[in-house]
PDB file of N, CA and C in Angstrom:
ATOM      1  N   UNK A   1      91.137 117.032  97.499  1.00  0.00           N
ATOM      2  CA  UNK A   1      92.571 117.019  97.721  1.00  0.00           C
ATOM      3  C   UNK A   1      92.848 116.212  98.998  1.00  0.00           C
ATOM      4  N   UNK A   2      93.848 115.363  98.931  1.00  0.00           N
ATOM      5  CA  UNK A   2      94.259 114.559 100.084  1.00  0.00           C
ATOM      6  C   UNK A   2      95.718 114.883 100.387  1.00  0.00           C
ATOM      7  N   UNK A   3      96.003 115.276 101.625  1.00  0.00           N
ATOM      8  CA  UNK A   3      97.369 115.524 102.079  1.00  0.00           C
ATOM      9  C   UNK A   3      97.680 114.540 103.194  1.00  0.00           C
ATOM     10  N   UNK A   4      98.797 113.829 103.059  1.00  0.00           N
ATOM     11  CA  UNK A   4      99.185 112.825 104.043  1.00  0.00           C
ATOM     12  C   UNK A   4     100.652 112.977 104.423  1.00  0.00           C
ATOM     13  N   UNK A   5     100.972 112.691 105.667  1.00  0.00           N
ATOM     14  CA  UNK A   5     102.357 112.541 106.109  1.00  0.00           C
ATOM     15  C   UNK A   5     102.479 111.109 106.599  1.00  0.00           C
ATOM     16  N   UNK A   6     103.327 110.348 105.928  1.00  0.00           N
ATOM     17  CA  UNK A   6     103.444 108.921 106.173  1.00  0.00           C
ATOM     18  C   UNK A   6     104.877 108.530 106.506  1.00  0.00           C
ATOM     19  N   UNK A   7     105.054 107.372 107.131  1.00  0.00           N
ATOM     20  CA  UNK A   7     106.417 106.883 107.342  1.00  0.00           C
ATOM     21  C   UNK A   7     107.048 106.503 106.006  1.00  0.00           C
ATOM     22  N   UNK A   8     108.350 106.403 105.993  1.00  0.00           N
ATOM     23  CA  UNK A   8     109.045 105.987 104.780  1.00  0.00           C
ATOM     24  C   UNK A   8     108.577 104.594 104.372  1.00  0.00           C
ATOM     25  N   UNK A   9     108.343 104.379 103.081  1.00  0.00           N
ATOM     26  CA  UNK A   9     107.973 103.024 102.644  1.00  0.00           C
ATOM     27  C   UNK A   9     109.200 102.116 102.635  1.00  0.00           C
ATOM     28  N   UNK A  10     108.980 100.820 102.737  1.00  0.00           N
ATOM     29  CA  UNK A  10     110.119  99.901 102.620  1.00  0.00           C
ATOM     30  C   UNK A  10     110.691  99.972 101.205  1.00  0.00           C
ATOM     31  N   UNK A  11     111.931  99.563 101.068  1.00  0.00           N
ATOM     32  CA  UNK A  11     112.543  99.540  99.736  1.00  0.00           C
ATOM     33  C   UNK A  11     111.891  98.440  98.907  1.00  0.00           C
ATOM     34  N   UNK A  12     112.008  98.553  97.607  1.00  0.00           N
ATOM     35  CA  UNK A  12     111.434  97.545  96.713  1.00  0.00           C
ATOM     36  C   UNK A  12     112.071  96.179  96.967  1.00  0.00           C
ATOM     37  N   UNK A  13     113.341  96.175  97.387  1.00  0.00           N
ATOM     38  CA  UNK A  13     114.017  94.907  97.681  1.00  0.00           C
ATOM     39  C   UNK A  13     113.366  94.169  98.843  1.00  0.00           C
ATOM     40  N   UNK A  14     112.745  94.895  99.744  1.00  0.00           N
ATOM     41  CA  UNK A  14     112.106  94.283 100.908  1.00  0.00           C
ATOM     42  C   UNK A  14     110.591  94.225 100.772  1.00  0.00           C
ATOM     43  N   UNK A  15     110.059  94.780  99.708  1.00  0.00           N
ATOM     44  CA  UNK A  15     108.617  94.873  99.514  1.00  0.00           C
ATOM     45  C   UNK A  15     108.033  93.609  98.892  1.00  0.00           C
ATOM     46  N   UNK A  16     108.755  93.041  97.947  1.00  0.00           N
ATOM     47  CA  UNK A  16     108.264  91.865  97.212  1.00  0.00           C
ATOM     48  C   UNK A  16     109.037  90.619  97.603  1.00  0.00           C
ATOM     49  N   UNK A  17     108.351  89.478  97.600  1.00  0.00           N
ATOM     50  CA  UNK A  17     108.953  88.175  97.846  1.00  0.00           C
ATOM     51  C   UNK A  17     108.399  87.217  96.800  1.00  0.00           C
ATOM     52  N   UNK A  18     109.180  86.193  96.476  1.00  0.00           N
ATOM     53  CA  UNK A  18     108.711  85.161  95.559  1.00  0.00           C
ATOM     54  C   UNK A  18     108.311  83.953  96.404  1.00  0.00           C
ATOM     55  N   UNK A  19     107.071  83.539  96.225  1.00  0.00           N
ATOM     56  CA  UNK A  19     106.529  82.407  96.970  1.00  0.00           C
ATOM     57  C   UNK A  19     105.854  81.467  95.983  1.00  0.00           C
ATOM     58  N   UNK A  20     106.350  80.242  95.901  1.00  0.00           N
ATOM     59  CA  UNK A  20     105.812  79.246  94.976  1.00  0.00           C
ATOM     60  C   UNK A  20     105.756  79.764  93.544  1.00  0.00           C
ATOM     61  N   UNK A  21     106.818  80.483  93.164  1.00  0.00           N
ATOM     62  CA  UNK A  21     106.940  80.982  91.800  1.00  0.00           C
ATOM     63  C   UNK A  21     106.160  82.244  91.489  1.00  0.00           C
ATOM     64  N   UNK A  22     105.520  82.832  92.508  1.00  0.00           N
ATOM     65  CA  UNK A  22     104.735  84.050  92.291  1.00  0.00           C
ATOM     66  C   UNK A  22     105.292  85.179  93.148  1.00  0.00           C
ATOM     67  N   UNK A  23     105.256  86.390  92.613  1.00  0.00           N
ATOM     68  CA  UNK A  23     105.666  87.563  93.387  1.00  0.00           C
ATOM     69  C   UNK A  23     104.515  87.954  94.311  1.00  0.00           C
ATOM     70  N   UNK A  24     104.804  88.054  95.594  1.00  0.00           N
ATOM     71  CA  UNK A  24     103.799  88.450  96.587  1.00  0.00           C
ATOM     72  C   UNK A  24     104.405  89.542  97.460  1.00  0.00           C
ATOM     73  N   UNK A  25     103.550  90.306  98.126  1.00  0.00           N
ATOM     74  CA  UNK A  25     104.058  91.334  99.032  1.00  0.00           C
ATOM     75  C   UNK A  25     104.560  90.673 100.320  1.00  0.00           C
ATOM     76  N   UNK A  26     105.615  91.229 100.859  1.00  0.00           N
ATOM     77  CA  UNK A  26     106.221  90.709 102.084  1.00  0.00           C
ATOM     78  C   UNK A  26     105.373  91.085 103.295  1.00  0.00           C
ATOM     79  N   UNK A  27     105.679  90.489 104.422  1.00  0.00           N
ATOM     80  CA  UNK A  27     104.993  90.845 105.669  1.00  0.00           C
ATOM     81  C   UNK A  27     105.229  92.319 105.988  1.00  0.00           C
ATOM     82  N   UNK A  28     106.436  92.812 105.719  1.00  0.00           N
ATOM     83  CA  UNK A  28     106.752  94.228 105.947  1.00  0.00           C
ATOM     84  C   UNK A  28     105.893  95.124 105.057  1.00  0.00           C
ATOM     85  N   UNK A  29     105.695  94.709 103.806  1.00  0.00           N
ATOM     86  CA  UNK A  29     104.863  95.480 102.878  1.00  0.00           C
ATOM     87  C   UNK A  29     103.414  95.497 103.339  1.00  0.00           C
ATOM     88  N   UNK A  30     102.910  94.365 103.761  1.00  0.00           N
ATOM     89  CA  UNK A  30     101.520  94.309 104.237  1.00  0.00           C
ATOM     90  C   UNK A  30     101.341  95.173 105.481  1.00  0.00           C
ATOM     91  N   UNK A  31     102.329  95.170 106.367  1.00  0.00           N
ATOM     92  CA  UNK A  31     102.259  96.015 107.568  1.00  0.00           C
ATOM     93  C   UNK A  31     102.274  97.495 107.187  1.00  0.00           C
ATOM     94  N   UNK A  32     103.084  97.856 106.194  1.00  0.00           N
ATOM     95  CA  UNK A  32     103.136  99.247 105.738  1.00  0.00           C
ATOM     96  C   UNK A  32     101.793  99.667 105.135  1.00  0.00           C
ATOM     97  N   UNK A  33     101.198  98.800 104.325  1.00  0.00           N
ATOM     98  CA  UNK A  33      99.893  99.104 103.733  1.00  0.00           C
ATOM     99  C   UNK A  33      98.839  99.331 104.817  1.00  0.00           C
ATOM    100  N   UNK A  34      98.844  98.479 105.841  1.00  0.00           N
ATOM    101  CA  UNK A  34      97.882  98.660 106.937  1.00  0.00           C
ATOM    102  C   UNK A  34      98.104  99.988 107.643  1.00  0.00           C
ATOM    103  N   UNK A  35      99.371 100.332 107.856  1.00  0.00           N
ATOM    104  CA  UNK A  35      99.686 101.599 108.533  1.00  0.00           C
ATOM    105  C   UNK A  35      99.224 102.796 107.704  1.00  0.00           C
ATOM    106  N   UNK A  36      99.422 102.737 106.403  1.00  0.00           N
ATOM    107  CA  UNK A  36      98.977 103.817 105.516  1.00  0.00           C
ATOM    108  C   UNK A  36      97.459 103.939 105.578  1.00  0.00           C
ATOM    109  N   UNK A  37      96.752 102.818 105.525  1.00  0.00           N
ATOM    110  CA  UNK A  37      95.286 102.840 105.570  1.00  0.00           C
ATOM    111  C   UNK A  37      94.782 103.420 106.884  1.00  0.00           C
ATOM    112  N   UNK A  38      95.397 103.041 107.995  1.00  0.00           N
ATOM    113  CA  UNK A  38      94.976 103.534 109.308  1.00  0.00           C
ATOM    114  C   UNK A  38      95.302 105.015 109.460  1.00  0.00           C
ATOM    115  N   UNK A  39      96.471 105.428 108.997  1.00  0.00           N
ATOM    116  CA  UNK A  39      96.924 106.814 109.124  1.00  0.00           C
ATOM    117  C   UNK A  39      96.091 107.766 108.279  1.00  0.00           C
ATOM    118  N   UNK A  40      95.711 107.341 107.103  1.00  0.00           N
ATOM    119  CA  UNK A  40      95.083 108.263 106.154  1.00  0.00           C
ATOM    120  C   UNK A  40      93.623 108.562 106.459  1.00  0.00           C
ATOM    121  N   UNK A  41      92.831 107.570 106.742  1.00  0.00           N
ATOM    122  CA  UNK A  41      91.403 107.767 107.044  1.00  0.00           C
ATOM    123  C   UNK A  41      90.712 108.683 106.034  1.00  0.00           C
ATOM    124  N   UNK A  42      90.922 108.433 104.757  1.00  0.00           N
ATOM    125  CA  UNK A  42      90.284 109.248 103.720  1.00  0.00           C
ATOM    126  C   UNK A  42      89.532 108.336 102.756  1.00  0.00           C
ATOM    127  N   UNK A  43      88.704 108.939 101.937  1.00  0.00           N
ATOM    128  CA  UNK A  43      87.992 108.199 100.904  1.00  0.00           C
ATOM    129  C   UNK A  43      88.744 108.345  99.594  1.00  0.00           C
ATOM    130  N   UNK A  44      88.883 107.263  98.838  1.00  0.00           N
ATOM    131  CA  UNK A  44      89.594 107.338  97.554  1.00  0.00           C
ATOM    132  C   UNK A  44      88.936 108.328  96.595  1.00  0.00           C
ATOM    133  N   UNK A  45      89.768 109.075  95.891  1.00  0.00           N
ATOM    134  CA  UNK A  45      89.273 110.022  94.891  1.00  0.00           C
ATOM    135  C   UNK A  45      88.833 109.271  93.639  1.00  0.00           C
ATOM    136  N   UNK A  46      87.874 109.839  92.923  1.00  0.00           N
ATOM    137  CA  UNK A  46      87.412 109.298  91.649  1.00  0.00           C
ATOM    138  C   UNK A  46      88.135 109.994  90.509  1.00  0.00           C
ATOM    139  N   UNK A  47      88.197 109.339  89.368  1.00  0.00           N
ATOM    140  CA  UNK A  47      88.752 109.933  88.162  1.00  0.00           C
ATOM    141  C   UNK A  47      90.264 110.044  88.183  1.00  0.00           C
ATOM    142  N   UNK A  48      90.842 110.668  87.153  1.00  0.00           N
ATOM    143  CA  UNK A  48      92.296 110.809  87.057  1.00  0.00           C
ATOM    144  C   UNK A  48      92.856 111.647  88.215  1.00  0.00           C
ATOM    145  N   UNK A  49      93.990 111.196  88.768  1.00  0.00           N
ATOM    146  CA  UNK A  49      94.601 111.906  89.888  1.00  0.00           C
ATOM    147  C   UNK A  49      96.050 112.277  89.581  1.00  0.00           C
ATOM    148  N   UNK A  50      96.498 113.326  90.263  1.00  0.00           N
ATOM    149  CA  UNK A  50      97.895 113.755  90.237  1.00  0.00           C
ATOM    150  C   UNK A  50      98.463 113.486  91.632  1.00  0.00           C
ATOM    151  N   UNK A  51      99.637 112.887  91.683  1.00  0.00           N
ATOM    152  CA  UNK A  51     100.276 112.545  92.955  1.00  0.00           C
ATOM    153  C   UNK A  51     101.592 113.307  93.061  1.00  0.00           C
ATOM    154  N   UNK A  52     101.760 114.029  94.162  1.00  0.00           N
ATOM    155  CA  UNK A  52     103.022 114.702  94.455  1.00  0.00           C
ATOM    156  C   UNK A  52     103.595 114.078  95.718  1.00  0.00           C
ATOM    157  N   UNK A  53     104.861 113.668  95.633  1.00  0.00           N
ATOM    158  CA  UNK A  53     105.527 112.994  96.744  1.00  0.00           C
ATOM    159  C   UNK A  53     106.795 113.747  97.089  1.00  0.00           C
ATOM    160  N   UNK A  54     106.973 114.014  98.365  1.00  0.00           N
ATOM    161  CA  UNK A  54     108.216 114.571  98.891  1.00  0.00           C
ATOM    162  C   UNK A  54     108.746 113.575  99.915  1.00  0.00           C
ATOM    163  N   UNK A  55     109.810 112.879  99.537  1.00  0.00           N
ATOM    164  CA  UNK A  55     110.397 111.853 100.402  1.00  0.00           C
ATOM    165  C   UNK A  55     111.576 112.456 101.147  1.00  0.00           C
ATOM    166  N   UNK A  56     111.463 112.519 102.445  1.00  0.00           N
ATOM    167  CA  UNK A  56     112.533 112.985 103.324  1.00  0.00           C
ATOM    168  C   UNK A  56     113.184 111.743 103.912  1.00  0.00           C
ATOM    169  N   UNK A  57     114.245 111.277 103.274  1.00  0.00           N
ATOM    170  CA  UNK A  57     114.823 110.004 103.684  1.00  0.00           C
ATOM    171  C   UNK A  57     115.732 110.166 104.899  1.00  0.00           C
ATOM    172  N   UNK A  58     115.712 109.152 105.734  1.00  0.00           N
ATOM    173  CA  UNK A  58     116.451 109.173 106.984  1.00  0.00           C
ATOM    174  C   UNK A  58     117.935 108.896 106.829  1.00  0.00           C
ATOM    175  N   UNK A  59     118.294 108.272 105.734  1.00  0.00           N
ATOM    176  CA  UNK A  59     119.720 108.038 105.465  1.00  0.00           C
ATOM    177  C   UNK A  59     119.945 108.100 103.961  1.00  0.00           C
ATOM    178  N   UNK A  60     121.161 108.341 103.578  1.00  0.00           N
ATOM    179  CA  UNK A  60     121.477 108.527 102.161  1.00  0.00           C
ATOM    180  C   UNK A  60     121.552 107.172 101.455  1.00  0.00           C
ATOM    181  N   UNK A  61     120.426 106.533 101.370  1.00  0.00           N
ATOM    182  CA  UNK A  61     120.329 105.244 100.680  1.00  0.00           C
ATOM    183  C   UNK A  61     118.912 105.098 100.158  1.00  0.00           C
ATOM    184  N   UNK A  62     118.789 104.417  99.058  1.00  0.00           N
ATOM    185  CA  UNK A  62     117.467 104.162  98.491  1.00  0.00           C
ATOM    186  C   UNK A  62     117.195 105.005  97.267  1.00  0.00           C
ATOM    187  N   UNK A  63     116.563 104.375  96.300  1.00  0.00           N
ATOM    188  CA  UNK A  63     116.215 105.044  95.046  1.00  0.00           C
ATOM    189  C   UNK A  63     114.803 105.594  95.127  1.00  0.00           C
ATOM    190  N   UNK A  64     114.629 106.785  94.649  1.00  0.00           N
ATOM    191  CA  UNK A  64     113.324 107.429  94.657  1.00  0.00           C
ATOM    192  C   UNK A  64     112.297 106.608  93.886  1.00  0.00           C
ATOM    193  N   UNK A  65     112.676 106.107  92.713  1.00  0.00           N
ATOM    194  CA  UNK A  65     111.700 105.380  91.893  1.00  0.00           C
ATOM    195  C   UNK A  65     111.216 104.092  92.553  1.00  0.00           C
ATOM    196  N   UNK A  66     112.109 103.376  93.245  1.00  0.00           N
ATOM    197  CA  UNK A  66     111.693 102.146  93.918  1.00  0.00           C
ATOM    198  C   UNK A  66     110.778 102.432  95.103  1.00  0.00           C
ATOM    199  N   UNK A  67     111.076 103.467  95.867  1.00  0.00           N
ATOM    200  CA  UNK A  67     110.216 103.830  96.989  1.00  0.00           C
ATOM    201  C   UNK A  67     108.862 104.326  96.486  1.00  0.00           C
ATOM    202  N   UNK A  68     108.881 105.007  95.361  1.00  0.00           N
ATOM    203  CA  UNK A  68     107.649 105.527  94.781  1.00  0.00           C
ATOM    204  C   UNK A  68     106.703 104.382  94.403  1.00  0.00           C
ATOM    205  N   UNK A  69     107.245 103.320  93.814  1.00  0.00           N
ATOM    206  CA  UNK A  69     106.425 102.167  93.447  1.00  0.00           C
ATOM    207  C   UNK A  69     105.745 101.578  94.680  1.00  0.00           C
ATOM    208  N   UNK A  70     106.494 101.431  95.742  1.00  0.00           N
ATOM    209  CA  UNK A  70     105.956 100.858  96.974  1.00  0.00           C
ATOM    210  C   UNK A  70     104.908 101.768  97.603  1.00  0.00           C
ATOM    211  N   UNK A  71     105.173 103.059  97.600  1.00  0.00           N
ATOM    212  CA  UNK A  71     104.233 104.016  98.164  1.00  0.00           C
ATOM    213  C   UNK A  71     102.925 104.028  97.375  1.00  0.00           C
ATOM    214  N   UNK A  72     103.006 104.089  96.053  1.00  0.00           N
ATOM    215  CA  UNK A  72     101.798 104.111  95.229  1.00  0.00           C
ATOM    216  C   UNK A  72     100.988 102.832  95.416  1.00  0.00           C
ATOM    217  N   UNK A  73     101.659 101.714  95.570  1.00  0.00           N
ATOM    218  CA  UNK A  73     100.960 100.461  95.825  1.00  0.00           C
ATOM    219  C   UNK A  73     100.189 100.532  97.144  1.00  0.00           C
ATOM    220  N   UNK A  74     100.805 101.119  98.159  1.00  0.00           N
ATOM    221  CA  UNK A  74     100.147 101.251  99.462  1.00  0.00           C
ATOM    222  C   UNK A  74      98.984 102.245  99.420  1.00  0.00           C
ATOM    223  N   UNK A  75      99.045 103.227  98.527  1.00  0.00           N
ATOM    224  CA  UNK A  75      97.977 104.231  98.426  1.00  0.00           C
ATOM    225  C   UNK A  75      96.769 103.738  97.631  1.00  0.00           C
ATOM    226  N   UNK A  76      96.959 102.652  96.872  1.00  0.00           N
ATOM    227  CA  UNK A  76      95.848 102.096  96.091  1.00  0.00           C
ATOM    228  C   UNK A  76      94.763 101.607  97.052  1.00  0.00           C
ATOM    229  N   UNK A  77      93.552 102.051  96.825  1.00  0.00           N
ATOM    230  CA  UNK A  77      92.442 101.704  97.703  1.00  0.00           C
ATOM    231  C   UNK A  77      92.289 102.658  98.879  1.00  0.00           C
ATOM    232  N   UNK A  78      93.259 103.569  99.032  1.00  0.00           N
ATOM    233  CA  UNK A  78      93.229 104.542 100.125  1.00  0.00           C
ATOM    234  C   UNK A  78      93.009 105.949  99.563  1.00  0.00           C
ATOM    235  N   UNK A  79      93.930 106.412  98.722  1.00  0.00           N
ATOM    236  CA  UNK A  79      93.831 107.755  98.145  1.00  0.00           C
ATOM    237  C   UNK A  79      93.171 107.725  96.760  1.00  0.00           C
ATOM    238  N   UNK A  80      93.296 106.605  96.084  1.00  0.00           N
ATOM    239  CA  UNK A  80      92.650 106.386  94.793  1.00  0.00           C
ATOM    240  C   UNK A  80      92.295 104.907  94.715  1.00  0.00           C
ATOM    241  N   UNK A  81      91.315 104.588  93.914  1.00  0.00           N
ATOM    242  CA  UNK A  81      90.832 103.206  93.862  1.00  0.00           C
ATOM    243  C   UNK A  81      91.791 102.273  93.126  1.00  0.00           C
ATOM    244  N   UNK A  82      92.399 102.766  92.056  1.00  0.00           N
ATOM    245  CA  UNK A  82      93.219 101.905  91.208  1.00  0.00           C
ATOM    246  C   UNK A  82      94.384 102.685  90.610  1.00  0.00           C
ATOM    247  N   UNK A  83      95.495 102.006  90.362  1.00  0.00           N
ATOM    248  CA  UNK A  83      96.686 102.631  89.762  1.00  0.00           C
ATOM    249  C   UNK A  83      96.383 103.305  88.426  1.00  0.00           C
ATOM    250  N   UNK A  84      95.400 102.783  87.720  1.00  0.00           N
ATOM    251  CA  UNK A  84      95.064 103.342  86.402  1.00  0.00           C
ATOM    252  C   UNK A  84      94.621 104.794  86.488  1.00  0.00           C
ATOM    253  N   UNK A  85      94.229 105.236  87.669  1.00  0.00           N
ATOM    254  CA  UNK A  85      93.783 106.622  87.843  1.00  0.00           C
ATOM    255  C   UNK A  85      94.949 107.614  87.873  1.00  0.00           C
ATOM    256  N   UNK A  86      96.154 107.151  88.145  1.00  0.00           N
ATOM    257  CA  UNK A  86      97.297 108.051  88.289  1.00  0.00           C
ATOM    258  C   UNK A  86      97.725 108.552  86.913  1.00  0.00           C
ATOM    259  N   UNK A  87      97.446 109.847  86.663  1.00  0.00           N
ATOM    260  CA  UNK A  87      97.753 110.467  85.378  1.00  0.00           C
ATOM    261  C   UNK A  87      99.005 111.342  85.452  1.00  0.00           C
ATOM    262  N   UNK A  88      99.370 111.784  86.659  1.00  0.00           N
ATOM    263  CA  UNK A  88     100.555 112.629  86.861  1.00  0.00           C
ATOM    264  C   UNK A  88     101.271 112.171  88.124  1.00  0.00           C
ATOM    265  N   UNK A  89     102.608 112.207  88.069  1.00  0.00           N
ATOM    266  CA  UNK A  89     103.421 111.934  89.259  1.00  0.00           C
ATOM    267  C   UNK A  89     104.524 112.983  89.319  1.00  0.00           C
ATOM    268  N   UNK A  90     104.644 113.609  90.472  1.00  0.00           N
ATOM    269  CA  UNK A  90     105.727 114.553  90.735  1.00  0.00           C
ATOM    270  C   UNK A  90     106.419 114.050  91.998  1.00  0.00           C
ATOM    271  N   UNK A  91     107.708 113.763  91.915  1.00  0.00           N
ATOM    272  CA  UNK A  91     108.399 113.173  93.061  1.00  0.00           C
ATOM    273  C   UNK A  91     109.718 113.895  93.317  1.00  0.00           C
ATOM    274  N   UNK A  92     109.990 114.106  94.607  1.00  0.00           N
ATOM    275  CA  UNK A  92     111.188 114.827  95.040  1.00  0.00           C
ATOM    276  C   UNK A  92     111.808 114.087  96.215  1.00  0.00           C
ATOM    277  N   UNK A  93     113.136 114.130  96.304  1.00  0.00           N
ATOM    278  CA  UNK A  93     113.850 113.473  97.394  1.00  0.00           C
ATOM    279  C   UNK A  93     114.679 114.493  98.154  1.00  0.00           C
ATOM    280  N   UNK A  94     114.600 114.413  99.482  1.00  0.00           N
ATOM    281  CA  UNK A  94     115.357 115.290 100.380  1.00  0.00           C
ATOM    282  C   UNK A  94     116.006 114.431 101.456  1.00  0.00           C
ATOM    283  N   UNK A  95     116.890 115.033 102.215  1.00  0.00           N
ATOM    284  CA  UNK A  95     117.518 114.347 103.345  1.00  0.00           C
ATOM    285  C   UNK A  95     116.966 114.933 104.639  1.00  0.00           C
ATOM    286  N   UNK A  96     116.607 114.066 105.585  1.00  0.00           N
ATOM    287  CA  UNK A  96     116.173 114.517 106.908  1.00  0.00           C
ATOM    288  C   UNK A  96     116.379 113.376 107.904  1.00  0.00           C
ATOM    289  N   UNK A  97     117.552 113.313 108.498  1.00  0.00           N
ATOM    290  CA  UNK A  97     117.878 112.260 109.462  1.00  0.00           C
ATOM    291  C   UNK A  97     117.015 112.333 110.711  1.00  0.00           C
ATOM    292  N   UNK A  98     116.596 113.527 111.072  1.00  0.00           N
ATOM    293  CA  UNK A  98     115.842 113.731 112.308  1.00  0.00           C
ATOM    294  C   UNK A  98     114.388 113.283 112.170  1.00  0.00           C
ATOM    295  N   UNK A  99     113.781 113.576 111.037  1.00  0.00           N
ATOM    296  CA  UNK A  99     112.359 113.288 110.864  1.00  0.00           C
ATOM    297  C   UNK A  99     112.078 112.677 109.492  1.00  0.00           C
ATOM    298  N   UNK A 100     112.523 111.439 109.243  1.00  0.00           N
ATOM    299  CA  UNK A 100     112.251 110.818 107.944  1.00  0.00           C
ATOM    300  C   UNK A 100     110.750 110.601 107.766  1.00  0.00           C
ATOM    301  N   UNK A 101     110.267 110.860 106.538  1.00  0.00           N
ATOM    302  CA  UNK A 101     108.840 110.762 106.278  1.00  0.00           C
ATOM    303  C   UNK A 101     108.589 110.884 104.779  1.00  0.00           C
ATOM    304  N   UNK A 102     107.353 110.691 104.419  1.00  0.00           N
ATOM    305  CA  UNK A 102     106.908 110.923 103.056  1.00  0.00           C
ATOM    306  C   UNK A 102     105.689 111.833 103.134  1.00  0.00           C
ATOM    307  N   UNK A 103     105.756 112.959 102.458  1.00  0.00           N
ATOM    308  CA  UNK A 103     104.617 113.874 102.378  1.00  0.00           C
ATOM    309  C   UNK A 103     103.971 113.664 101.017  1.00  0.00           C
ATOM    310  N   UNK A 104     102.685 113.355 101.025  1.00  0.00           N
ATOM    311  CA  UNK A 104     101.976 113.002  99.802  1.00  0.00           C
ATOM    312  C   UNK A 104     100.767 113.929  99.621  1.00  0.00           C
ATOM    313  N   UNK A 105     100.586 114.379  98.407  1.00  0.00           N
ATOM    314  CA  UNK A 105      99.390 115.138  98.046  1.00  0.00           C
ATOM    315  C   UNK A 105      98.779 114.449  96.823  1.00  0.00           C
ATOM    316  N   UNK A 106      97.508 114.132  96.927  1.00  0.00           N
ATOM    317  CA  UNK A 106      96.781 113.506  95.821  1.00  0.00           C
ATOM    318  C   UNK A 106      95.579 114.392  95.521  1.00  0.00           C
ATOM    319  N   UNK A 107      95.485 114.797  94.262  1.00  0.00           N
ATOM    320  CA  UNK A 107      94.375 115.644  93.846  1.00  0.00           C
ATOM    321  C   UNK A 107      93.928 115.288  92.449  1.00  0.00           C
ATOM    322  N   UNK A 108      92.937 115.975  91.989  1.00  0.00           N
ATOM    323  CA  UNK A 108      92.428 115.750  90.631  1.00  0.00           C
ATOM    324  C   UNK A 108      93.494 116.160  89.610  1.00  0.00           C
ATOM    325  N   UNK A 109      93.688 115.344  88.606  1.00  0.00           N
ATOM    326  CA  UNK A 109      94.635 115.652  87.537  1.00  0.00           C
ATOM    327  C   UNK A 109      94.009 116.664  86.595  1.00  0.00           C
ATOM    328  N   UNK A 110      94.855 117.494  86.011  1.00  0.00           N
ATOM    329  CA  UNK A 110      94.378 118.492  85.048  1.00  0.00           C
ATOM    330  C   UNK A 110      94.108 117.793  83.719  1.00  0.00           C
ATOM    331  N   UNK A 111      93.124 118.283  83.035  1.00  0.00           N
ATOM    332  CA  UNK A 111      92.835 117.803  81.697  1.00  0.00           C
ATOM    333  C   UNK A 111      92.140 116.557  81.681  1.00  0.00           C
TER     334      UNK A 111
END
């Protein structure tokens, strides 16, 4: 089981950029991925995983599904080796202006 408290991920609008006709991650996205890797200091789990996300957003803006995509991308290679391992996703959104964050739990998927 891996439990992490991470900063809010960038929005999908700021995560991807088109460069020479190809979608690439932005400098902000690469910085977020590095921060997640440094913060987590864990070994990726093997096999199917279940991911639970509790996003405490700092302001009433942003879609849960777009932030989830960015967060899962940043967790690839950190909490699990590949996106194909994600068999379950449970995601919740809350408001917390004082302490915006993302609480993530990654564990073995059932079945």
